[in-house]
Amino acid sequence: MAKTRAQIKTSIDFNTGRATEKDGLIDDLCDQALKLAIGKHPFRDAQDDPTIIAITEDAVSVDISAITNLVHIVTARIIQDSGTLSRLLHMRDRTWWDRNVVEAGDNQKGWPANGLRWESTVLLERPAESDLQLQLVVSQDKTFTADSTETPVKILDTFIVQYVTAFVFLSIQNMQSYAFWKNIALGFKWDDGVVGGTLGHAILTDKFDISEEMHAQAPGGESGHHHNRGVAILNNLIHYDLQGNAIPHDLFGQVVTWY
């Protein structure tokens, strides 16, 4: 069970003896710690259920302003209204976009394969066909609403205590204690752009998933002579009927391992 903000304050008071005096500052610092951490990594507890937004036919952008406090786009998919077909929308950076997309509206109409987040919009590299939707899984900023609120990202309990303790010491100009607690929370190389300390450990723990340790194997397991020689292939096959309509393959958008 995650700690409440009241319990976090108790820990900070134990570390600093200033929880009552700095109550308002601690409230702000707790939210600041959450914002900083989620900005560095899209923690699972900061992700909500997928959001589905209709794409207007021929559009080369999708308005995502309805998603509040958006930090990261974790995954993006293009899906049919019927839900029978879908494909991954690769989210690109500005450098890739400027090199590969000259004028999106001039490209062939179809299923967009690449996107770029631009403020409150997702740009598409081609005009969209009819009956398509954009499905997004995103991370969003979280806050405490009251002292009784549990930490929205429970894995950050300890980090928040350490981070806030550091900045309470900074507020009273105790630089030695500030540096000590900051290094524990963020790591010794934080100022060089390296995430470490308790936050770094929390990020690594959140990333861990048993599926990340599984490797594709041919029949025969460890002793099989094809072991780990598989090739993962993304199925992007589309054929066209006599009227020129695009018909995706039955396994379109799925990754299949071939040996």
Protein backbone atom coordinates (compact mmCIF):
# COMPACT_ATOMS: atom_id res chain seq x y z
CA MET A 1 0.00 0.00 0.00
CA ALA A 2 1.30 3.45 -0.91
CA LYS A 3 1.95 6.07 1.73
CA THR A 4 -0.40 9.00 2.18
CA ARG A 5 0.96 12.53 2.06
CA ALA A 6 0.42 12.71 5.83
CA GLN A 7 2.68 9.67 6.29
CA ILE A 8 5.25 11.20 3.97
CA LYS A 9 5.19 14.37 6.08
CA THR A 10 5.79 12.30 9.20
CA SER A 11 8.92 10.82 7.61
CA ILE A 12 10.10 14.26 6.50
CA ASP A 13 9.56 15.63 10.00
CA PHE A 14 11.67 12.78 11.37
CA ASN A 15 14.45 13.74 8.93
CA THR A 16 14.27 17.52 9.30
CA GLY A 17 12.16 18.46 12.32
CA ARG A 18 10.52 21.13 10.14
CA ALA A 19 7.34 19.49 8.80
CA THR A 20 4.95 21.80 10.66
CA GLU A 21 6.87 24.94 9.83
CA LYS A 22 7.26 23.99 6.15
CA ASP A 23 3.85 22.38 5.63
CA GLY A 24 2.88 24.42 2.56
CA LEU A 25 6.31 24.03 0.99
CA ILE A 26 6.18 20.27 1.53
CA ASP A 27 2.82 20.08 -0.26
CA ASP A 28 4.33 21.83 -3.28
CA LEU A 29 7.50 19.74 -3.18
CA CYS A 30 5.55 16.47 -3.13
CA ASP A 31 3.83 17.44 -6.39
CA GLN A 32 7.13 18.70 -7.78
CA ALA A 33 8.78 15.35 -7.04
CA LEU A 34 5.99 13.50 -8.86
CA LYS A 35 6.23 15.81 -11.86
CA LEU A 36 10.00 15.43 -12.08
CA ALA A 37 9.86 11.63 -11.84
CA ILE A 38 7.05 11.17 -14.37
CA GLY A 39 8.87 13.52 -16.72
CA LYS A 40 11.82 11.14 -16.68
CA HIS A 41 9.83 7.92 -17.11
CA PRO A 42 6.21 6.97 -17.93
CA PHE A 43 5.53 5.00 -14.75
CA ARG A 44 2.76 2.41 -15.00
CA ASP A 45 0.76 4.10 -12.24
CA ALA A 46 0.88 7.32 -14.27
CA GLN A 47 -0.77 5.62 -17.26
CA ASP A 48 -4.52 5.46 -17.73
CA ASP A 49 -6.65 3.26 -19.97
CA PRO A 50 -6.17 3.77 -23.73
CA THR A 51 -7.73 6.90 -25.19
CA ILE A 52 -9.40 6.55 -28.60
CA ILE A 53 -9.82 9.59 -30.84
CA ALA A 54 -11.59 9.59 -34.21
CA ILE A 55 -9.49 10.60 -37.21
CA THR A 56 -11.21 12.73 -39.84
CA GLU A 57 -10.90 11.30 -43.35
CA ASP A 58 -8.08 12.99 -45.32
CA ALA A 59 -6.72 14.58 -42.13
CA VAL A 60 -2.97 14.79 -41.60
CA SER A 61 -3.25 15.61 -37.89
CA VAL A 62 -5.25 14.61 -34.83
CA ASP A 63 -6.16 16.97 -31.99
CA ILE A 64 -5.22 15.43 -28.62
CA SER A 65 -5.88 18.51 -26.47
CA ALA A 66 -8.67 16.66 -24.65
CA ILE A 67 -5.99 14.60 -22.88
CA THR A 68 -5.08 16.71 -19.86
CA ASN A 69 -1.67 16.80 -18.16
CA LEU A 70 -0.14 14.65 -20.89
CA VAL A 71 3.56 13.91 -20.43
CA HIS A 72 4.52 10.92 -22.60
CA ILE A 73 2.87 9.08 -25.45
CA VAL A 74 3.71 5.51 -24.46
CA THR A 75 2.13 3.70 -27.42
CA ALA A 76 0.11 4.82 -30.44
CA ARG A 77 -1.96 2.67 -32.79
CA ILE A 78 -4.18 3.29 -35.78
CA ILE A 79 -7.34 1.18 -35.55
CA GLN A 80 -10.45 0.73 -37.64
CA ASP A 81 -13.77 1.87 -36.21
CA SER A 82 -14.84 -1.76 -36.23
CA GLY A 83 -11.78 -2.71 -34.21
CA THR A 84 -10.96 -5.62 -36.52
CA LEU A 85 -7.67 -4.18 -37.80
CA SER A 86 -4.95 -2.10 -36.21
CA ARG A 87 -1.35 -1.11 -36.76
CA LEU A 88 1.37 0.55 -34.75
CA LEU A 89 1.87 4.27 -35.31
CA HIS A 90 5.59 4.92 -34.93
CA MET A 91 6.10 8.15 -33.00
CA ARG A 92 9.05 9.99 -34.53
CA ASP A 93 11.15 12.95 -33.41
CA ARG A 94 11.40 16.26 -35.24
CA THR A 95 14.71 15.38 -36.90
CA TRP A 96 13.27 12.22 -38.48
CA TRP A 97 10.15 14.09 -39.53
CA ASP A 98 12.00 16.92 -41.25
CA ARG A 99 14.13 14.43 -43.15
CA ASN A 100 11.34 12.14 -44.31
CA VAL A 101 8.10 14.13 -44.51
CA VAL A 102 8.07 17.04 -46.94
CA GLU A 103 4.34 17.70 -47.27
CA ALA A 104 2.11 15.14 -45.60
CA GLY A 105 -0.93 16.19 -47.62
CA ASP A 106 0.82 15.26 -50.87
CA ASN A 107 1.43 11.66 -49.80
CA GLN A 108 -0.84 8.80 -50.84
CA LYS A 109 -3.97 8.51 -48.74
CA GLY A 110 -3.99 5.42 -46.53
CA TRP A 111 -3.15 4.11 -43.08
CA PRO A 112 -0.61 6.43 -41.43
CA ALA A 113 2.48 4.59 -40.20
CA ASN A 114 4.39 7.48 -38.63
CA GLY A 115 3.41 10.31 -36.33
CA LEU A 116 4.93 13.32 -34.59
CA ARG A 117 3.64 14.84 -31.39
CA TRP A 118 3.52 18.60 -31.83
CA GLU A 119 2.15 20.41 -28.78
CA SER A 120 -1.47 19.25 -28.49
CA THR A 121 -1.54 17.57 -31.90
CA VAL A 122 -0.32 14.32 -33.42
CA LEU A 123 0.82 14.91 -37.01
CA LEU A 124 0.37 12.07 -39.53
CA GLU A 125 2.69 11.43 -42.47
CA ARG A 126 -0.17 10.87 -44.95
CA PRO A 127 -3.88 11.70 -45.33
CA ALA A 128 -5.95 9.18 -43.39
CA GLU A 129 -8.45 6.80 -44.90
CA SER A 130 -12.02 6.85 -43.66
CA ASP A 131 -13.17 5.04 -40.51
CA LEU A 132 -9.84 5.21 -38.68
CA GLN A 133 -9.14 6.06 -35.06
CA LEU A 134 -6.04 6.92 -33.05
CA GLN A 135 -5.56 4.87 -29.89
CA LEU A 136 -3.09 6.31 -27.38
CA VAL A 137 -1.67 5.06 -24.12
CA VAL A 138 -0.15 8.04 -22.33
CA SER A 139 1.39 9.00 -19.02
CA GLN A 140 0.00 12.04 -17.22
CA ASP A 141 1.14 14.29 -14.41
CA LYS A 142 -0.23 13.25 -11.03
CA THR A 143 -0.70 15.26 -7.84
CA PHE A 144 -1.72 14.87 -4.22
CA THR A 145 -5.12 16.44 -3.53
CA ALA A 146 -5.01 16.18 0.26
CA ASP A 147 -2.92 14.80 3.11
CA SER A 148 -5.08 11.67 3.00
CA THR A 149 -4.18 11.05 -0.67
CA GLU A 150 -1.96 8.04 -1.27
CA THR A 151 1.04 8.47 -3.53
CA PRO A 152 -0.38 8.27 -7.09
CA VAL A 153 2.74 6.37 -8.22
CA LYS A 154 3.32 4.07 -5.27
CA ILE A 155 6.84 3.04 -6.28
CA LEU A 156 7.92 6.66 -5.71
CA ASP A 157 7.11 6.75 -1.98
CA THR A 158 10.72 6.63 -0.80
CA PHE A 159 11.99 8.94 -3.53
CA ILE A 160 9.44 11.61 -2.62
CA VAL A 161 10.45 11.50 1.06
CA GLN A 162 14.13 11.88 0.14
CA TYR A 163 13.58 14.54 -2.51
CA VAL A 164 11.37 16.69 -0.30
CA THR A 165 13.72 16.25 2.66
CA ALA A 166 16.57 17.60 0.52
CA PHE A 167 14.70 20.72 -0.50
CA VAL A 168 13.39 21.42 2.98
CA PHE A 169 17.03 21.51 4.06
CA LEU A 170 17.78 23.80 1.11
CA SER A 171 15.02 26.15 2.26
CA ILE A 172 16.75 26.59 5.62
CA GLN A 173 20.18 26.92 3.95
CA ASN A 174 21.54 23.67 5.36
CA MET A 175 23.58 22.93 2.25
CA GLN A 176 25.41 19.89 3.59
CA SER A 177 22.20 18.04 4.42
CA TYR A 178 20.62 19.24 1.18
CA ALA A 179 23.45 17.77 -0.89
CA PHE A 180 23.37 14.51 1.08
CA TRP A 181 19.64 13.88 0.59
CA LYS A 182 19.64 15.12 -3.00
CA ASN A 183 22.35 12.61 -3.91
CA ILE A 184 20.40 9.79 -2.27
CA ALA A 185 17.23 10.75 -4.15
CA LEU A 186 18.65 11.63 -7.57
CA GLY A 187 22.17 10.21 -7.68
CA PHE A 188 25.59 11.85 -7.66
CA LYS A 189 25.54 12.62 -11.39
CA TRP A 190 22.11 14.25 -11.57
CA ASP A 191 23.57 17.64 -12.47
CA ASP A 192 25.39 15.96 -15.37
CA GLY A 193 22.11 14.64 -16.75
CA VAL A 194 22.38 11.11 -15.33
CA VAL A 195 19.39 9.78 -13.39
CA GLY A 196 20.48 7.70 -10.42
CA GLY A 197 19.78 7.23 -6.74
CA THR A 198 16.38 6.11 -5.56
CA LEU A 199 14.67 7.59 -8.62
CA GLY A 200 16.93 5.62 -10.95
CA HIS A 201 16.21 2.43 -9.03
CA ALA A 202 12.45 3.11 -9.16
CA ILE A 203 12.62 3.59 -12.94
CA LEU A 204 14.50 0.32 -13.43
CA THR A 205 12.05 -1.53 -11.20
CA ASP A 206 9.06 -0.09 -13.05
CA LYS A 207 10.55 -1.10 -16.40
CA PHE A 208 11.01 -4.69 -15.29
CA ASP A 209 8.53 -7.15 -16.68
CA ILE A 210 8.85 -10.90 -16.88
CA SER A 211 8.10 -10.75 -20.60
CA GLU A 212 11.31 -8.77 -21.12
CA GLU A 213 13.26 -11.85 -20.02
CA MET A 214 11.56 -14.24 -22.42
CA HIS A 215 13.34 -15.03 -25.68
CA ALA A 216 11.73 -16.50 -28.77
CA GLN A 217 12.71 -20.14 -29.17
CA ALA A 218 12.20 -22.71 -31.87
CA PRO A 219 10.69 -26.04 -30.82
CA GLY A 220 13.27 -27.98 -28.85
CA GLY A 221 14.03 -25.33 -26.22
CA GLU A 222 17.60 -24.77 -25.14
CA SER A 223 18.88 -27.83 -27.00
CA GLY A 224 17.17 -27.05 -30.31
CA HIS A 225 19.59 -26.25 -33.14
CA HIS A 226 17.40 -23.30 -34.17
CA HIS A 227 17.57 -21.79 -30.69
CA ASN A 228 17.54 -17.97 -30.76
CA ARG A 229 17.95 -17.88 -34.54
CA GLY A 230 14.47 -16.56 -35.14
CA VAL A 231 13.81 -13.31 -36.98
CA ALA A 232 10.97 -11.06 -35.84
CA ILE A 233 9.10 -9.69 -38.86
CA LEU A 234 6.44 -6.98 -38.76
CA ASN A 235 3.65 -7.84 -41.20
CA ASN A 236 2.88 -4.74 -43.29
CA LEU A 237 1.43 -6.60 -46.30
CA ILE A 238 -1.40 -4.86 -48.16
CA HIS A 239 -2.98 -5.87 -51.46
CA TYR A 240 -5.45 -3.96 -53.60
CA ASP A 241 -8.71 -5.16 -55.15
CA LEU A 242 -9.86 -4.30 -58.68
CA GLN A 243 -11.38 -1.04 -57.45
CA GLY A 244 -8.07 0.03 -55.93
CA ASN A 245 -9.17 -0.44 -52.31
CA ALA A 246 -6.38 -1.31 -49.88
CA ILE A 247 -6.94 -4.63 -48.08
CA PRO A 248 -4.48 -5.37 -45.24
CA HIS A 249 -3.25 -8.93 -44.73
CA ASP A 250 -5.01 -10.94 -42.01
CA LEU A 251 -1.92 -10.58 -39.77
CA PHE A 252 -1.29 -6.95 -40.73
CA GLY A 253 0.48 -5.01 -37.98
CA GLN A 254 1.47 -8.14 -36.03
CA VAL A 255 5.03 -9.27 -35.33
CA VAL A 256 5.65 -12.90 -36.29
CA THR A 257 8.83 -14.89 -35.54
CA TRP A 258 10.27 -16.85 -38.47
CA TYR A 259 13.00 -19.49 -38.13
